[in-house]
Amino acid sequence: MDDICSALHDFILNEFLAGEDPDALTDGTPLITGGILDSISTLKLVNYVEGRFHITIEAYEAGVEHLDSIGQIAALIASKKNAA
């Protein structure tokens, strides 16, 4: 799970928070409700996650309930990998 969180952390920093303090982005930082991700950047994140981790995120999973923090995203990825 640490590898998943690390990959997500790096992607979010590089794509959406360039130049920001990496330590400020934790596994619990609110991404959608905190204003880091808007609808377009959320789609970009979903596209990255699907390609990087070879999973499919269903439309009902692409919201704040599953994608609002690195921890939530990592848990979703892990559950889908375990189910496969």
N, C-alpha and C. Protein backbone atom coordinates (compact mmCIF):
# COMPACT_ATOMS: atom_id res chain seq x y z
N MET A 1 0.83 -1.20 0.00
CA MET A 1 0.00 0.00 0.00
C MET A 1 0.87 1.26 0.00
N ASP A 2 2.06 1.19 0.60
CA ASP A 2 2.96 2.34 0.62
C ASP A 2 3.39 2.72 -0.79
N ASP A 3 3.61 1.71 -1.66
CA ASP A 3 3.99 1.99 -3.05
C ASP A 3 2.87 2.74 -3.78
N ILE A 4 1.63 2.34 -3.52
CA ILE A 4 0.48 3.00 -4.15
C ILE A 4 0.41 4.46 -3.68
N CYS A 5 0.50 4.67 -2.38
CA CYS A 5 0.43 6.03 -1.83
C CYS A 5 1.57 6.90 -2.36
N SER A 6 2.75 6.33 -2.46
CA SER A 6 3.90 7.08 -2.96
C SER A 6 3.70 7.50 -4.41
N ALA A 7 3.20 6.59 -5.24
CA ALA A 7 2.96 6.90 -6.65
C ALA A 7 1.89 7.99 -6.77
N LEU A 8 0.83 7.88 -5.99
CA LEU A 8 -0.24 8.89 -6.01
C LEU A 8 0.29 10.25 -5.54
N HIS A 9 1.06 10.23 -4.49
CA HIS A 9 1.64 11.45 -3.93
C HIS A 9 2.47 12.16 -4.99
N ASP A 10 3.36 11.41 -5.65
CA ASP A 10 4.23 12.00 -6.68
C ASP A 10 3.42 12.56 -7.84
N PHE A 11 2.41 11.81 -8.30
CA PHE A 11 1.60 12.27 -9.42
C PHE A 11 0.86 13.55 -9.07
N ILE A 12 0.22 13.58 -7.91
CA ILE A 12 -0.55 14.76 -7.51
C ILE A 12 0.36 15.98 -7.34
N LEU A 13 1.51 15.77 -6.74
CA LEU A 13 2.45 16.89 -6.60
C LEU A 13 2.89 17.42 -7.96
N ASN A 14 3.27 16.53 -8.85
CA ASN A 14 3.78 16.94 -10.16
C ASN A 14 2.72 17.57 -11.04
N GLU A 15 1.51 17.03 -11.01
CA GLU A 15 0.46 17.49 -11.92
C GLU A 15 -0.36 18.66 -11.39
N PHE A 16 -0.61 18.69 -10.11
CA PHE A 16 -1.57 19.65 -9.57
C PHE A 16 -0.99 20.61 -8.53
N LEU A 17 0.15 20.29 -7.97
CA LEU A 17 0.72 21.12 -6.90
C LEU A 17 2.19 21.43 -7.14
N ALA A 18 2.55 21.66 -8.38
CA ALA A 18 3.95 21.94 -8.72
C ALA A 18 4.47 23.11 -7.90
N GLY A 19 5.62 22.92 -7.30
CA GLY A 19 6.24 23.97 -6.51
C GLY A 19 5.78 24.05 -5.06
N GLU A 20 4.79 23.26 -4.70
CA GLU A 20 4.30 23.27 -3.32
C GLU A 20 5.18 22.38 -2.43
N ASP A 21 5.09 22.58 -1.15
CA ASP A 21 5.85 21.78 -0.18
C ASP A 21 5.33 20.35 -0.19
N PRO A 22 6.16 19.38 -0.57
CA PRO A 22 5.71 17.98 -0.62
C PRO A 22 5.21 17.46 0.72
N ASP A 23 5.75 17.98 1.81
CA ASP A 23 5.34 17.52 3.14
C ASP A 23 3.94 17.98 3.51
N ALA A 24 3.43 18.98 2.80
CA ALA A 24 2.08 19.48 3.09
C ALA A 24 1.01 18.54 2.53
N LEU A 25 1.38 17.67 1.59
CA LEU A 25 0.44 16.71 1.02
C LEU A 25 0.58 15.39 1.75
N THR A 26 -0.42 15.08 2.57
CA THR A 26 -0.40 13.83 3.32
C THR A 26 -1.44 12.87 2.75
N ASP A 27 -1.47 11.67 3.27
CA ASP A 27 -2.46 10.68 2.82
C ASP A 27 -3.88 11.10 3.17
N GLY A 28 -4.03 12.04 4.08
CA GLY A 28 -5.36 12.49 4.49
C GLY A 28 -5.74 13.87 3.99
N THR A 29 -4.87 14.52 3.24
CA THR A 29 -5.18 15.85 2.71
C THR A 29 -6.42 15.79 1.82
N PRO A 30 -7.42 16.63 2.08
CA PRO A 30 -8.62 16.62 1.22
C PRO A 30 -8.31 17.20 -0.15
N LEU A 31 -8.50 16.37 -1.18
CA LEU A 31 -8.15 16.78 -2.53
C LEU A 31 -9.29 17.49 -3.25
N ILE A 32 -10.48 16.90 -3.20
CA ILE A 32 -11.64 17.50 -3.87
C ILE A 32 -12.26 18.56 -2.98
N THR A 33 -12.59 18.18 -1.75
CA THR A 33 -13.23 19.14 -0.84
C THR A 33 -12.28 20.26 -0.43
N GLY A 34 -10.97 20.03 -0.58
CA GLY A 34 -9.99 21.05 -0.25
C GLY A 34 -9.65 21.96 -1.43
N GLY A 35 -10.24 21.69 -2.59
CA GLY A 35 -10.04 22.55 -3.75
C GLY A 35 -8.80 22.26 -4.57
N ILE A 36 -8.09 21.19 -4.27
CA ILE A 36 -6.91 20.83 -5.05
C ILE A 36 -7.33 20.26 -6.41
N LEU A 37 -8.37 19.43 -6.40
CA LEU A 37 -8.86 18.83 -7.63
C LEU A 37 -10.22 19.41 -8.00
N ASP A 38 -10.37 19.80 -9.26
CA ASP A 38 -11.68 20.16 -9.79
C ASP A 38 -12.13 19.00 -10.68
N SER A 39 -13.20 19.18 -11.42
CA SER A 39 -13.74 18.07 -12.20
C SER A 39 -12.76 17.59 -13.28
N ILE A 40 -12.07 18.50 -13.94
CA ILE A 40 -11.13 18.12 -14.99
C ILE A 40 -9.91 17.41 -14.40
N SER A 41 -9.37 17.93 -13.32
CA SER A 41 -8.20 17.30 -12.71
C SER A 41 -8.56 15.96 -12.08
N THR A 42 -9.80 15.82 -11.61
CA THR A 42 -10.24 14.53 -11.08
C THR A 42 -10.27 13.49 -12.20
N LEU A 43 -10.74 13.88 -13.38
CA LEU A 43 -10.73 12.97 -14.53
C LEU A 43 -9.30 12.60 -14.93
N LYS A 44 -8.40 13.57 -14.87
CA LYS A 44 -7.00 13.30 -15.17
C LYS A 44 -6.41 12.30 -14.16
N LEU A 45 -6.76 12.47 -12.90
CA LEU A 45 -6.31 11.55 -11.86
C LEU A 45 -6.87 10.15 -12.09
N VAL A 46 -8.15 10.06 -12.42
CA VAL A 46 -8.78 8.75 -12.70
C VAL A 46 -8.07 8.07 -13.87
N ASN A 47 -7.79 8.83 -14.92
CA ASN A 47 -7.10 8.28 -16.08
C ASN A 47 -5.72 7.74 -15.69
N TYR A 48 -4.99 8.50 -14.88
CA TYR A 48 -3.69 8.05 -14.39
C TYR A 48 -3.80 6.77 -13.57
N VAL A 49 -4.72 6.75 -12.63
CA VAL A 49 -4.90 5.59 -11.75
C VAL A 49 -5.25 4.34 -12.56
N GLU A 50 -6.16 4.48 -13.50
CA GLU A 50 -6.56 3.33 -14.31
C GLU A 50 -5.39 2.79 -15.13
N GLY A 51 -4.61 3.68 -15.72
CA GLY A 51 -3.47 3.24 -16.52
C GLY A 51 -2.32 2.70 -15.68
N ARG A 52 -2.02 3.36 -14.60
CA ARG A 52 -0.87 2.97 -13.75
C ARG A 52 -1.12 1.68 -12.99
N PHE A 53 -2.35 1.50 -12.53
CA PHE A 53 -2.64 0.35 -11.67
C PHE A 53 -3.50 -0.72 -12.35
N HIS A 54 -3.80 -0.50 -13.62
CA HIS A 54 -4.53 -1.48 -14.43
C HIS A 54 -5.86 -1.89 -13.79
N ILE A 55 -6.63 -0.88 -13.43
CA ILE A 55 -7.95 -1.10 -12.86
C ILE A 55 -8.94 -0.20 -13.61
N THR A 56 -10.21 -0.42 -13.37
CA THR A 56 -11.25 0.43 -13.92
C THR A 56 -12.00 1.08 -12.76
N ILE A 57 -12.09 2.39 -12.80
CA ILE A 57 -12.87 3.11 -11.80
C ILE A 57 -14.22 3.41 -12.43
N GLU A 58 -15.26 2.90 -11.81
CA GLU A 58 -16.62 3.10 -12.32
C GLU A 58 -17.05 4.54 -12.06
N ALA A 59 -18.02 5.02 -12.82
CA ALA A 59 -18.49 6.40 -12.69
C ALA A 59 -18.93 6.72 -11.26
N TYR A 60 -19.61 5.79 -10.62
CA TYR A 60 -20.09 6.05 -9.26
C TYR A 60 -18.93 6.11 -8.24
N GLU A 61 -17.76 5.63 -8.62
CA GLU A 61 -16.59 5.65 -7.73
C GLU A 61 -15.75 6.91 -7.92
N ALA A 62 -16.05 7.70 -8.94
CA ALA A 62 -15.22 8.85 -9.29
C ALA A 62 -15.70 10.13 -8.60
N GLY A 63 -15.95 10.03 -7.32
CA GLY A 63 -16.41 11.19 -6.57
C GLY A 63 -15.71 11.32 -5.24
N VAL A 64 -16.19 12.24 -4.45
CA VAL A 64 -15.57 12.58 -3.18
C VAL A 64 -15.53 11.38 -2.21
N GLU A 65 -16.47 10.45 -2.33
CA GLU A 65 -16.51 9.31 -1.42
C GLU A 65 -15.29 8.39 -1.58
N HIS A 66 -14.69 8.38 -2.77
CA HIS A 66 -13.57 7.47 -3.04
C HIS A 66 -12.27 8.19 -3.40
N LEU A 67 -12.35 9.46 -3.81
CA LEU A 67 -11.18 10.13 -4.36
C LEU A 67 -10.78 11.41 -3.62
N ASP A 68 -11.23 11.60 -2.41
CA ASP A 68 -10.96 12.86 -1.72
C ASP A 68 -9.63 12.89 -1.00
N SER A 69 -8.94 11.77 -0.91
CA SER A 69 -7.62 11.76 -0.28
C SER A 69 -6.79 10.64 -0.88
N ILE A 70 -5.50 10.75 -0.72
CA ILE A 70 -4.61 9.69 -1.20
C ILE A 70 -4.95 8.38 -0.51
N GLY A 71 -5.26 8.44 0.77
CA GLY A 71 -5.61 7.24 1.52
C GLY A 71 -6.85 6.56 0.95
N GLN A 72 -7.87 7.35 0.62
CA GLN A 72 -9.10 6.79 0.03
C GLN A 72 -8.81 6.18 -1.34
N ILE A 73 -8.04 6.87 -2.15
CA ILE A 73 -7.72 6.37 -3.48
C ILE A 73 -6.92 5.08 -3.38
N ALA A 74 -5.95 5.04 -2.50
CA ALA A 74 -5.14 3.84 -2.31
C ALA A 74 -6.00 2.66 -1.85
N ALA A 75 -6.94 2.92 -0.96
CA ALA A 75 -7.84 1.86 -0.48
C ALA A 75 -8.71 1.33 -1.63
N LEU A 76 -9.19 2.24 -2.49
CA LEU A 76 -9.99 1.83 -3.64
C LEU A 76 -9.15 0.96 -4.59
N ILE A 77 -7.93 1.39 -4.86
CA ILE A 77 -7.04 0.62 -5.74
C ILE A 77 -6.77 -0.75 -5.14
N ALA A 78 -6.45 -0.80 -3.87
CA ALA A 78 -6.15 -2.07 -3.20
C ALA A 78 -7.35 -3.01 -3.24
N SER A 79 -8.54 -2.46 -3.00
CA SER A 79 -9.73 -3.33 -3.01
C SER A 79 -9.99 -3.88 -4.40
N LYS A 80 -9.76 -3.08 -5.42
CA LYS A 80 -9.97 -3.55 -6.79
C LYS A 80 -8.90 -4.57 -7.19
N LYS A 81 -7.67 -4.36 -6.76
CA LYS A 81 -6.59 -5.31 -7.05
C LYS A 81 -6.86 -6.64 -6.35
N ASN A 82 -7.34 -6.58 -5.13
CA ASN A 82 -7.63 -7.81 -4.38
C ASN A 82 -8.81 -8.56 -4.96
N ALA A 83 -9.78 -7.84 -5.53
CA ALA A 83 -10.96 -8.47 -6.11
C ALA A 83 -10.66 -9.13 -7.46
N ALA A 84 -9.60 -8.66 -8.11
CA ALA A 84 -9.26 -9.18 -9.45
C ALA A 84 -8.63 -10.56 -9.40
